[in-house]
């Protein structure tokens, strides 16, 4: 008996407003689109299937995830700025001292190695 090919499920196609909602949630939280879609599906299912008491908890998770992502992005930017200031200060100090290892240490500081 020959093997039958397994049919794969057709990919889901969301209406434009559904795709926009998933994209907005993924962008705002830093989640993947699959994570955002799964979250929206769970929240919607609970809203429709007598789980309406869970909606405030879903809203709380979403709000906290957005706040966390915004803080994470802001801290990365701030860390990049302070890292550049630190590298510049080390270069200035090494130039004043005439340190021959200044260039090597500067390259190591890009990778988080101690100077």
C-alpha atoms as a PDB file:
ATOM      1  CA  UNK A   1       0.000   0.000   0.000  1.00  0.00           C
ATOM      2  CA  UNK A   2       1.629   3.307  -1.043  1.00  0.00           C
ATOM      3  CA  UNK A   3       2.143   5.995   1.557  1.00  0.00           C
ATOM      4  CA  UNK A   4      -0.168   8.932   1.322  1.00  0.00           C
ATOM      5  CA  UNK A   5       1.288  12.392   1.418  1.00  0.00           C
ATOM      6  CA  UNK A   6       0.457  14.232   4.585  1.00  0.00           C
ATOM      7  CA  UNK A   7      -1.456  17.321   3.905  1.00  0.00           C
ATOM      8  CA  UNK A   8      -0.222  20.312   5.764  1.00  0.00           C
ATOM      9  CA  UNK A   9      -2.762  22.692   7.115  1.00  0.00           C
ATOM     10  CA  UNK A  10      -3.324  25.733   4.979  1.00  0.00           C
ATOM     11  CA  UNK A  11      -1.614  28.774   6.460  1.00  0.00           C
ATOM     12  CA  UNK A  12      -3.943  31.019   8.360  1.00  0.00           C
ATOM     13  CA  UNK A  13      -4.733  34.292   6.706  1.00  0.00           C
ATOM     14  CA  UNK A  14      -5.863  37.092   8.911  1.00  0.00           C
ATOM     15  CA  UNK A  15      -7.958  40.001   7.761  1.00  0.00           C
ATOM     16  CA  UNK A  16      -5.997  43.268   7.537  1.00  0.00           C
ATOM     17  CA  UNK A  17      -7.264  44.561  10.880  1.00  0.00           C
ATOM     18  CA  UNK A  18      -6.264  41.267  12.540  1.00  0.00           C
ATOM     19  CA  UNK A  19      -2.794  41.418  11.025  1.00  0.00           C
ATOM     20  CA  UNK A  20      -2.478  45.021  12.186  1.00  0.00           C
ATOM     21  CA  UNK A  21      -3.476  44.075  15.740  1.00  0.00           C
ATOM     22  CA  UNK A  22      -0.912  41.255  15.831  1.00  0.00           C
ATOM     23  CA  UNK A  23       1.779  43.499  14.382  1.00  0.00           C
ATOM     24  CA  UNK A  24       1.058  46.292  16.864  1.00  0.00           C
ATOM     25  CA  UNK A  25       1.147  43.915  19.824  1.00  0.00           C
ATOM     26  CA  UNK A  26       4.363  42.260  18.610  1.00  0.00           C
ATOM     27  CA  UNK A  27       6.046  45.627  18.050  1.00  0.00           C
ATOM     28  CA  UNK A  28       4.861  47.098  21.348  1.00  0.00           C
ATOM     29  CA  UNK A  29       5.891  44.135  23.467  1.00  0.00           C
ATOM     30  CA  UNK A  30       8.930  42.821  21.630  1.00  0.00           C
ATOM     31  CA  UNK A  31       7.171  39.466  21.240  1.00  0.00           C
ATOM     32  CA  UNK A  32       7.330  37.445  18.050  1.00  0.00           C
ATOM     33  CA  UNK A  33       4.283  37.623  15.793  1.00  0.00           C
ATOM     34  CA  UNK A  34       3.415  34.046  16.778  1.00  0.00           C
ATOM     35  CA  UNK A  35       3.521  34.938  20.488  1.00  0.00           C
ATOM     36  CA  UNK A  36       1.380  38.019  19.874  1.00  0.00           C
ATOM     37  CA  UNK A  37      -1.134  36.054  17.811  1.00  0.00           C
ATOM     38  CA  UNK A  38      -1.337  33.313  20.457  1.00  0.00           C
ATOM     39  CA  UNK A  39      -1.916  35.919  23.165  1.00  0.00           C
ATOM     40  CA  UNK A  40      -4.702  37.582  21.183  1.00  0.00           C
ATOM     41  CA  UNK A  41      -6.326  34.218  20.464  1.00  0.00           C
ATOM     42  CA  UNK A  42      -6.241  33.212  24.149  1.00  0.00           C
ATOM     43  CA  UNK A  43      -7.640  36.569  25.228  1.00  0.00           C
ATOM     44  CA  UNK A  44     -10.385  36.431  22.611  1.00  0.00           C
ATOM     45  CA  UNK A  45     -11.301  32.856  23.412  1.00  0.00           C
ATOM     46  CA  UNK A  46     -11.553  33.672  27.110  1.00  0.00           C
ATOM     47  CA  UNK A  47     -13.699  36.706  26.351  1.00  0.00           C
ATOM     48  CA  UNK A  48     -16.112  34.609  24.284  1.00  0.00           C
ATOM     49  CA  UNK A  49     -16.022  31.413  26.298  1.00  0.00           C
ATOM     50  CA  UNK A  50     -17.108  32.499  29.772  1.00  0.00           C
ATOM     51  CA  UNK A  51     -13.586  33.522  30.712  1.00  0.00           C
ATOM     52  CA  UNK A  52     -14.392  37.221  30.772  1.00  0.00           C
ATOM     53  CA  UNK A  53     -13.130  37.406  34.346  1.00  0.00           C
ATOM     54  CA  UNK A  54      -9.626  36.775  32.940  1.00  0.00           C
ATOM     55  CA  UNK A  55      -9.714  39.792  30.598  1.00  0.00           C
ATOM     56  CA  UNK A  56      -8.356  42.238  33.225  1.00  0.00           C
ATOM     57  CA  UNK A  57      -5.446  39.836  33.810  1.00  0.00           C
ATOM     58  CA  UNK A  58      -4.754  39.643  30.053  1.00  0.00           C
ATOM     59  CA  UNK A  59      -4.863  43.448  29.885  1.00  0.00           C
ATOM     60  CA  UNK A  60      -2.462  43.641  32.810  1.00  0.00           C
ATOM     61  CA  UNK A  61      -0.024  41.221  31.138  1.00  0.00           C
ATOM     62  CA  UNK A  62      -0.157  43.197  27.894  1.00  0.00           C
ATOM     63  CA  UNK A  63       0.365  46.555  29.645  1.00  0.00           C
ATOM     64  CA  UNK A  64       3.276  45.186  31.683  1.00  0.00           C
ATOM     65  CA  UNK A  65       4.865  43.629  28.579  1.00  0.00           C
ATOM     66  CA  UNK A  66       4.683  46.929  26.694  1.00  0.00           C
ATOM     67  CA  UNK A  67       6.162  48.846  29.640  1.00  0.00           C
ATOM     68  CA  UNK A  68       8.922  46.250  30.009  1.00  0.00           C
ATOM     69  CA  UNK A  69       9.792  46.404  26.311  1.00  0.00           C
ATOM     70  CA  UNK A  70       9.868  50.215  26.301  1.00  0.00           C
ATOM     71  CA  UNK A  71      12.158  50.198  29.343  1.00  0.00           C
ATOM     72  CA  UNK A  72      14.401  47.566  27.757  1.00  0.00           C
ATOM     73  CA  UNK A  73      14.768  49.614  24.551  1.00  0.00           C
ATOM     74  CA  UNK A  74      15.440  52.818  26.492  1.00  0.00           C
ATOM     75  CA  UNK A  75      18.056  51.113  28.660  1.00  0.00           C
ATOM     76  CA  UNK A  76      19.844  49.672  25.612  1.00  0.00           C
ATOM     77  CA  UNK A  77      20.047  53.158  24.114  1.00  0.00           C
ATOM     78  CA  UNK A  78      21.297  54.607  27.376  1.00  0.00           C
ATOM     79  CA  UNK A  79      23.831  51.819  27.801  1.00  0.00           C
ATOM     80  CA  UNK A  80      25.133  52.403  24.268  1.00  0.00           C
ATOM     81  CA  UNK A  81      25.542  56.107  25.029  1.00  0.00           C
ATOM     82  CA  UNK A  82      27.353  55.549  28.320  1.00  0.00           C
ATOM     83  CA  UNK A  83      29.563  52.856  26.765  1.00  0.00           C
ATOM     84  CA  UNK A  84      30.684  55.320  24.097  1.00  0.00           C
ATOM     85  CA  UNK A  85      31.408  57.932  26.775  1.00  0.00           C
ATOM     86  CA  UNK A  86      33.454  55.372  28.689  1.00  0.00           C
ATOM     87  CA  UNK A  87      35.454  54.388  25.583  1.00  0.00           C
ATOM     88  CA  UNK A  88      36.126  58.061  24.788  1.00  0.00           C
ATOM     89  CA  UNK A  89      37.261  58.743  28.348  1.00  0.00           C
ATOM     90  CA  UNK A  90      39.610  55.745  28.268  1.00  0.00           C
ATOM     91  CA  UNK A  91      41.050  56.852  24.917  1.00  0.00           C
ATOM     92  CA  UNK A  92      41.620  60.352  26.266  1.00  0.00           C
ATOM     93  CA  UNK A  93      43.341  58.985  29.356  1.00  0.00           C
ATOM     94  CA  UNK A  94      45.494  56.578  27.358  1.00  0.00           C
ATOM     95  CA  UNK A  95      46.477  59.348  24.928  1.00  0.00           C
ATOM     96  CA  UNK A  96      47.548  61.553  27.840  1.00  0.00           C
ATOM     97  CA  UNK A  97      49.662  58.768  29.306  1.00  0.00           C
ATOM     98  CA  UNK A  98      51.088  57.773  25.935  1.00  0.00           C
ATOM     99  CA  UNK A  99      50.065  54.179  26.660  1.00  0.00           C
ATOM    100  CA  UNK A 100      51.108  51.809  23.820  1.00  0.00           C
ATOM    101  CA  UNK A 101      48.382  49.282  24.806  1.00  0.00           C
ATOM    102  CA  UNK A 102      45.576  51.853  24.511  1.00  0.00           C
ATOM    103  CA  UNK A 103      44.377  50.620  21.135  1.00  0.00           C
ATOM    104  CA  UNK A 104      44.271  46.979  22.289  1.00  0.00           C
ATOM    105  CA  UNK A 105      42.294  47.825  25.431  1.00  0.00           C
ATOM    106  CA  UNK A 106      39.865  49.956  23.446  1.00  0.00           C
ATOM    107  CA  UNK A 107      39.108  47.014  21.152  1.00  0.00           C
ATOM    108  CA  UNK A 108      38.608  44.723  24.160  1.00  0.00           C
ATOM    109  CA  UNK A 109      36.163  47.165  25.728  1.00  0.00           C
ATOM    110  CA  UNK A 110      33.868  46.686  22.730  1.00  0.00           C
ATOM    111  CA  UNK A 111      33.533  43.031  23.730  1.00  0.00           C
ATOM    112  CA  UNK A 112      33.034  43.603  27.434  1.00  0.00           C
ATOM    113  CA  UNK A 113      36.523  42.513  28.495  1.00  0.00           C
ATOM    114  CA  UNK A 114      38.086  44.448  31.358  1.00  0.00           C
ATOM    115  CA  UNK A 115      40.731  47.017  30.462  1.00  0.00           C
END
